[in-house]
Protein backbone atom coordinates (compact mmCIF):
# COMPACT_ATOMS: atom_id res chain seq x y z
CA MET A 1 -6.69 56.08 -54.41
CA SER A 2 -10.22 56.32 -53.01
CA GLU A 3 -11.36 53.32 -55.04
CA SER A 4 -8.55 51.12 -53.73
CA LEU A 5 -9.29 52.11 -50.19
CA GLY A 6 -12.97 51.47 -50.67
CA SER A 7 -12.35 48.00 -52.05
CA ALA A 8 -10.01 47.08 -49.18
CA VAL A 9 -12.56 47.73 -46.45
CA PRO A 10 -14.98 44.86 -47.22
CA LEU A 11 -12.10 42.39 -47.60
CA SER A 12 -10.76 43.20 -44.13
CA THR A 13 -14.19 42.78 -42.56
CA THR A 14 -15.09 39.50 -44.24
CA GLU A 15 -11.84 37.66 -43.43
CA PRO A 16 -12.36 37.60 -39.62
CA ARG A 17 -15.93 36.43 -40.12
CA ALA A 18 -14.79 33.54 -42.28
CA ALA A 19 -12.12 32.63 -39.74
CA ALA A 20 -14.63 32.76 -36.89
CA ALA A 21 -16.98 30.47 -38.78
CA GLN A 22 -14.33 27.78 -39.03
CA ARG A 23 -14.07 25.20 -36.22
CA VAL A 24 -10.84 23.52 -35.17
CA LEU A 25 -11.52 19.79 -35.16
CA PRO A 26 -9.53 17.67 -32.70
CA LEU A 27 -7.30 14.89 -33.94
CA ARG A 28 -9.25 11.65 -34.09
CA HIS A 29 -7.94 8.48 -32.49
CA PRO A 30 -9.89 5.51 -33.91
CA GLY A 31 -7.52 2.98 -32.37
CA ARG A 32 -8.20 4.36 -28.90
CA TRP A 33 -11.97 4.08 -29.38
CA ILE A 34 -11.68 0.53 -30.71
CA ALA A 35 -9.49 -0.54 -27.78
CA SER A 36 -11.90 1.10 -25.31
CA ALA A 37 -14.86 -0.69 -26.90
CA ILE A 38 -13.09 -4.06 -26.70
CA VAL A 39 -12.20 -3.51 -23.04
CA LEU A 40 -15.78 -2.49 -22.19
CA VAL A 41 -17.14 -5.61 -23.89
CA VAL A 42 -14.72 -7.85 -21.96
CA VAL A 43 -15.55 -6.14 -18.65
CA ALA A 44 -19.27 -6.43 -19.35
CA GLN A 45 -18.88 -10.15 -20.05
CA ILE A 46 -16.94 -10.68 -16.81
CA VAL A 47 -19.54 -8.79 -14.76
CA HIS A 48 -22.38 -10.66 -16.46
CA GLY A 49 -20.68 -13.99 -15.77
CA LEU A 50 -20.16 -13.11 -12.10
CA ALA A 51 -23.78 -12.03 -11.72
CA THR A 52 -25.48 -14.87 -13.57
CA ASN A 53 -23.28 -17.92 -12.89
CA PRO A 54 -25.03 -19.95 -10.15
CA PHE A 55 -21.72 -21.55 -9.19
CA PHE A 56 -20.74 -18.42 -7.23
CA GLN A 57 -23.80 -18.76 -4.95
CA TRP A 58 -24.20 -15.07 -4.12
CA ASP A 59 -26.95 -15.84 -1.64
CA ARG A 60 -24.49 -17.89 0.41
CA PHE A 61 -21.93 -15.13 0.00
CA GLN A 62 -24.39 -12.71 1.57
CA TYR A 63 -25.06 -15.20 4.35
CA TRP A 64 -21.38 -15.65 5.26
CA PHE A 65 -20.15 -12.08 4.74
CA LEU A 66 -21.06 -10.78 8.23
CA ARG A 67 -21.16 -14.02 10.17
CA PRO A 68 -19.54 -13.78 13.65
CA THR A 69 -16.96 -16.43 12.74
CA ILE A 70 -15.78 -14.40 9.75
CA LEU A 71 -15.76 -11.14 11.72
CA ASP A 72 -13.74 -12.75 14.53
CA GLY A 73 -11.17 -13.89 11.99
CA LEU A 74 -11.15 -10.41 10.45
CA LEU A 75 -10.46 -8.89 13.86
CA ILE A 76 -7.50 -11.23 14.38
CA THR A 77 -6.18 -10.27 10.92
CA LEU A 78 -6.38 -6.59 11.84
CA GLU A 79 -4.62 -7.16 15.17
CA VAL A 80 -1.80 -9.18 13.63
CA THR A 81 -1.39 -6.62 10.84
CA LEU A 82 -1.32 -3.67 13.24
CA TYR A 83 1.20 -5.18 15.63
CA SER A 84 3.42 -6.50 12.86
CA ALA A 85 3.34 -3.24 10.90
CA VAL A 86 4.36 -1.13 13.90
CA LEU A 87 7.06 -3.53 15.11
CA GLY A 88 8.28 -4.15 11.57
CA LEU A 89 8.59 -0.44 10.82
CA LEU A 90 10.43 0.27 14.07
CA GLY A 91 12.77 -2.64 13.42
CA GLY A 92 13.25 -1.49 9.84
CA ILE A 93 14.24 2.01 10.98
CA LEU A 94 16.82 0.58 13.39
CA LEU A 95 18.20 -1.78 10.75
CA ALA A 96 18.37 1.03 8.19
CA LEU A 97 20.26 3.26 10.61
CA ALA A 98 22.62 0.37 11.36
CA ARG A 99 23.23 -0.11 7.62
CA LEU A 100 24.08 3.59 7.31
CA SER A 101 26.19 3.82 10.47
CA GLU A 102 29.97 4.11 10.52
CA SER A 103 30.35 1.00 12.69
CA PRO A 104 31.43 -2.01 10.60
CA VAL A 105 29.90 -4.37 13.17
CA LEU A 106 26.45 -2.74 12.95
CA ARG A 107 26.63 -2.62 9.16
CA ALA A 108 27.60 -6.30 8.94
CA VAL A 109 24.96 -7.52 11.40
CA SER A 110 22.24 -5.45 9.72
CA TRP A 111 23.24 -6.68 6.27
CA VAL A 112 23.23 -10.33 7.38
CA TYR A 113 19.81 -9.94 9.03
CA ILE A 114 18.28 -8.32 5.95
CA TRP A 115 19.88 -10.86 3.64
CA LEU A 116 18.64 -13.79 5.74
CA PHE A 117 15.02 -12.77 6.21
CA ARG A 118 14.62 -11.54 2.65
CA SER A 119 15.85 -14.92 1.42
CA VAL A 120 13.86 -17.26 3.67
CA PRO A 121 10.13 -17.66 2.81
CA LEU A 122 7.71 -16.33 5.40
CA ILE A 123 5.99 -19.69 5.84
CA VAL A 124 9.35 -21.23 6.79
CA VAL A 125 9.93 -18.53 9.41
CA LEU A 126 6.48 -19.06 10.91
CA LEU A 127 6.82 -22.84 11.04
CA PHE A 128 10.30 -22.57 12.55
CA LEU A 129 9.03 -20.27 15.31
CA TYR A 130 6.01 -22.50 15.87
CA ASN A 131 8.35 -25.42 16.59
CA PHE A 132 10.91 -23.31 18.44
CA SER A 133 10.10 -24.98 21.76
CA ALA A 134 11.56 -28.22 20.39
CA LEU A 135 14.98 -26.51 20.24
CA TYR A 136 14.79 -24.38 23.39
CA LYS A 137 12.50 -25.45 26.22
CA THR A 138 13.19 -22.33 28.28
CA LEU A 139 14.38 -18.78 27.68
CA SER A 140 16.37 -16.87 30.28
CA LEU A 141 17.70 -13.38 31.03
CA GLY A 142 20.93 -12.88 32.89
CA VAL A 143 24.66 -12.40 32.55
CA PRO A 144 25.99 -13.61 29.18
CA PHE A 145 27.70 -17.00 29.66
CA GLY A 146 26.82 -16.67 33.36
CA PRO A 147 23.94 -17.14 35.79
CA ALA A 148 20.35 -16.50 34.70
CA PHE A 149 18.13 -14.15 36.69
CA LEU A 150 14.80 -14.80 34.95
CA THR A 151 13.66 -17.98 33.23
CA PHE A 152 10.61 -18.34 30.97
CA ASP A 153 8.80 -21.41 29.74
CA GLU A 154 8.92 -21.00 25.95
CA SER A 155 5.80 -23.10 25.35
CA ARG A 156 3.71 -20.79 27.56
CA LEU A 157 5.29 -17.58 26.29
CA ALA A 158 4.98 -18.36 22.57
CA THR A 159 1.23 -18.37 22.04
CA ASP A 160 -0.22 -18.57 18.54
CA MET A 161 -0.67 -14.79 18.41
CA VAL A 162 2.89 -14.16 19.62
CA VAL A 163 4.35 -16.58 17.08
CA ALA A 164 2.40 -14.94 14.25
CA VAL A 165 3.30 -11.38 15.25
CA VAL A 166 6.98 -12.16 15.85
CA GLY A 167 7.34 -14.08 12.59
CA LEU A 168 5.65 -11.40 10.50
CA SER A 169 7.54 -8.61 12.31
CA LEU A 170 10.92 -10.24 11.72
CA ASN A 171 10.15 -10.66 8.05
CA GLU A 172 8.62 -7.19 7.69
CA ALA A 173 11.58 -5.47 9.39
CA ALA A 174 13.99 -6.83 6.79
CA HIS A 175 11.92 -5.43 3.90
CA ALA A 176 11.07 -2.18 5.70
CA ALA A 177 14.78 -1.59 6.38
CA GLU A 178 15.53 -1.34 2.66
CA VAL A 179 12.53 0.94 2.12
CA VAL A 180 13.65 3.27 4.91
CA ARG A 181 17.27 3.20 3.79
CA GLY A 182 16.25 4.09 0.24
CA GLY A 183 14.14 6.96 1.54
CA ILE A 184 16.98 8.34 3.65
CA LEU A 185 19.40 8.12 0.73
CA SER A 186 16.91 10.00 -1.47
CA VAL A 187 17.27 13.14 0.69
CA ASP A 188 19.58 15.64 -0.96
CA GLN A 189 23.08 15.62 0.49
CA GLY A 190 22.93 19.38 0.87
CA GLN A 191 20.29 18.96 3.58
CA HIS A 192 22.72 16.88 5.65
CA GLU A 193 25.52 19.39 5.07
CA ALA A 194 23.32 22.36 5.97
CA ALA A 195 22.16 20.67 9.18
CA SER A 196 25.73 19.82 10.13
CA ALA A 197 26.88 23.37 9.38
CA LEU A 198 24.27 24.69 11.82
CA GLY A 199 25.72 22.46 14.52
CA LEU A 200 22.50 20.53 15.07
CA PRO A 201 22.73 17.24 16.99
CA LYS A 202 22.58 14.06 14.93
CA GLY A 203 19.31 12.94 16.51
CA TYR A 204 17.68 16.30 15.80
CA GLN A 205 18.96 16.25 12.21
CA PHE A 206 17.37 12.86 11.63
CA THR A 207 14.01 13.45 13.35
CA ARG A 208 13.37 17.03 12.20
CA ILE A 209 15.15 17.41 8.85
CA VAL A 210 16.11 14.13 7.19
CA PHE A 211 13.30 11.74 8.13
CA PRO A 212 10.35 14.09 7.31
CA GLN A 213 11.78 14.58 3.82
CA ALA A 214 12.51 10.87 3.45
CA LEU A 215 8.87 10.06 4.24
CA ARG A 216 7.86 11.32 0.79
CA SER A 217 9.79 8.40 -0.67
CA ILE A 218 9.18 5.92 2.16
CA THR A 219 5.37 6.23 2.31
CA PRO A 220 4.36 4.77 -1.09
CA ASN A 221 6.91 1.97 -0.89
CA TYR A 222 6.06 1.02 2.67
CA VAL A 223 2.32 1.08 1.95
CA ASN A 224 3.02 -1.52 -0.73
CA GLN A 225 4.76 -3.53 1.98
CA LEU A 226 1.77 -3.02 4.26
CA ILE A 227 -0.62 -4.31 1.60
CA GLY A 228 1.62 -7.34 1.20
CA LEU A 229 1.58 -7.76 4.98
CA ILE A 230 -2.23 -7.79 5.05
CA LYS A 231 -2.24 -10.58 2.49
CA GLY A 232 0.66 -12.32 4.22
CA THR A 233 -1.39 -12.72 7.39
CA SER A 234 -3.22 -15.52 5.60
CA LEU A 235 -0.19 -17.72 6.34
CA VAL A 236 -0.73 -17.59 10.12
CA PHE A 237 -3.40 -20.23 9.58
CA TYR A 238 -0.52 -22.72 9.41
CA VAL A 239 0.50 -21.87 12.99
CA SER A 240 -3.03 -22.61 14.29
CA LEU A 241 -4.20 -18.99 14.41
CA LEU A 242 -7.67 -18.60 12.91
CA ASP A 243 -7.47 -15.27 11.12
CA LEU A 244 -9.77 -14.30 8.24
CA PHE A 245 -8.36 -16.89 5.86
CA GLY A 246 -8.17 -19.48 8.62
CA SER A 247 -11.84 -18.94 9.47
CA VAL A 248 -12.75 -19.32 5.81
CA GLN A 249 -10.72 -22.52 5.55
CA SER A 250 -12.29 -23.90 8.71
CA MET A 251 -15.83 -23.12 7.56
CA GLY A 252 -15.02 -24.53 4.11
CA SER A 253 -14.05 -27.84 5.71
CA THR A 254 -17.31 -27.92 7.67
CA TYR A 255 -19.46 -26.77 4.74
CA PRO A 256 -17.76 -28.10 1.59
CA GLY A 257 -20.62 -26.89 -0.60
CA ASP A 258 -19.85 -23.28 0.36
CA ILE A 259 -16.14 -23.22 -0.47
CA VAL A 260 -16.50 -20.83 -3.41
CA PRO A 261 -18.72 -18.24 -1.64
CA LEU A 262 -16.45 -18.43 1.40
CA LEU A 263 -13.40 -17.72 -0.77
CA LEU A 264 -15.30 -14.82 -2.31
CA VAL A 265 -16.01 -13.52 1.20
CA ALA A 266 -12.28 -13.59 2.02
CA THR A 267 -11.49 -11.90 -1.30
CA ALA A 268 -14.01 -9.15 -0.65
CA TRP A 269 -12.68 -8.42 2.83
CA TYR A 270 -9.06 -8.34 1.63
CA LEU A 271 -10.11 -5.94 -1.14
CA ILE A 272 -11.80 -3.70 1.42
CA LEU A 273 -8.75 -3.67 3.70
CA THR A 274 -6.27 -2.93 0.93
CA SER A 275 -8.55 -0.23 -0.50
CA VAL A 276 -8.73 1.53 2.86
CA VAL A 277 -4.93 1.41 3.12
CA SER A 278 -4.64 2.85 -0.41
CA VAL A 279 -6.93 5.76 0.51
CA VAL A 280 -4.85 6.48 3.62
CA GLN A 281 -1.71 6.29 1.47
CA PHE A 282 -3.07 8.98 -0.88
CA TYR A 283 -3.74 11.47 1.90
CA VAL A 284 -0.43 10.76 3.66
CA GLU A 285 1.47 11.29 0.40
CA ARG A 286 -0.52 14.46 -0.21
CA TYR A 287 0.35 15.73 3.26
CA TYR A 288 4.08 15.14 2.91
CA SER A 289 4.19 16.59 -0.62
CA ARG A 290 3.63 20.07 0.80
CA GLY A 291 6.58 22.24 -0.10
CA ALA A 292 7.85 19.79 -2.71
CA LEU A 293 5.10 20.52 -5.28
CA ARG A 294 3.77 23.85 -6.47
CA SER A 295 0.20 22.62 -6.08
CA LEU A 296 -1.10 19.66 -4.10
CA PRO A 297 -2.64 16.79 -6.10
CA PRO A 298 -6.46 17.04 -6.14
CA THR A 299 -8.49 14.75 -3.94
CA PRO A 300 -11.03 12.36 -5.55
CA LEU A 301 -13.86 14.71 -4.57
CA GLN A 302 -12.05 17.64 -6.17
CA LYS A 303 -11.52 15.58 -9.33
CA VAL A 304 -15.25 14.83 -9.52
CA ARG A 305 -16.13 18.51 -9.07
CA THR A 306 -13.62 19.53 -11.73
CA GLY A 307 -14.96 16.91 -14.15
CA LEU A 308 -18.56 18.08 -13.64
CA ARG A 309 -17.55 21.71 -14.10
CA ASP A 310 -15.72 20.86 -17.34
CA LEU A 311 -18.76 18.95 -18.62
CA ARG A 312 -21.06 21.90 -17.91
CA ALA A 313 -18.65 24.31 -19.61
CA ARG A 314 -18.39 22.03 -22.65
CA ALA A 315 -22.18 21.69 -22.86
CA ARG A 316 -22.63 25.46 -22.73
CA LYS A 317 -20.01 25.90 -25.43
CA GLU A 318 -21.68 23.34 -27.67
CA ALA A 319 -25.08 24.99 -27.11
CA ALA A 320 -23.69 28.41 -27.98
CA ILE A 321 -22.25 27.10 -31.26
């Protein structure tokens, strides 16, 4: 009995040591490494071509990037985008509420409006409004089918900025209405029933209970619409409004040798604008996700800190082994 016990002791002590000496190797993915290498080679070739091809004329790009003409056009683009986004969102909320109302007249009118402006191209809407004075010389306010109290000269009222903002707002409202309606429908029906059971007024239910929850679904979709709106402002050039793209086109006609660097300038500014909107979208989504998620998504700075901490921990582990 003593011999068997004595022989069992060294076996029990050597087995954990052998297990500790073994390392668990991760599963290898050669296809992933090959695909990553191919992508890096392609990206490197694209960057090298952009940097070394003299056709892009980066010196002229640097010259035009902050020219007053370009900055003036950029300011007009920002103004048109801001006005159209606000008016389009407000109109979209009203149209969405009309689509969801119990009135058949409001539902029908809202549906026809959305159907019409989602079907007609934006350039057609802008050109139609630009030539609106040919159909109606004056606009008036008064009793329907009766006398007019105020009369406006349409040619003086419809400036280039007004035509651009109205056209973009009308088009944006139709698309924003479906985004808002989808967000409202995404709210759980129990929230509506609970608010009604408490006897809360309809307006209070919408502004304090339904709409804040719907914003979690509305925000990412409407930001996509907003990015499309920023790019859609390039069409106002056709109604004689020199926005960013219009300024680039005008300078390209005057300096035909700088067309490519001017187009690159417009591309760079549009990339900057859409990137800023995307950053704002992230923080707005993060704000409205409170209460819906157990933990908020990390910010880019938090991701960098976490990545650096993981790298340090991995390096210490490798050094210890």
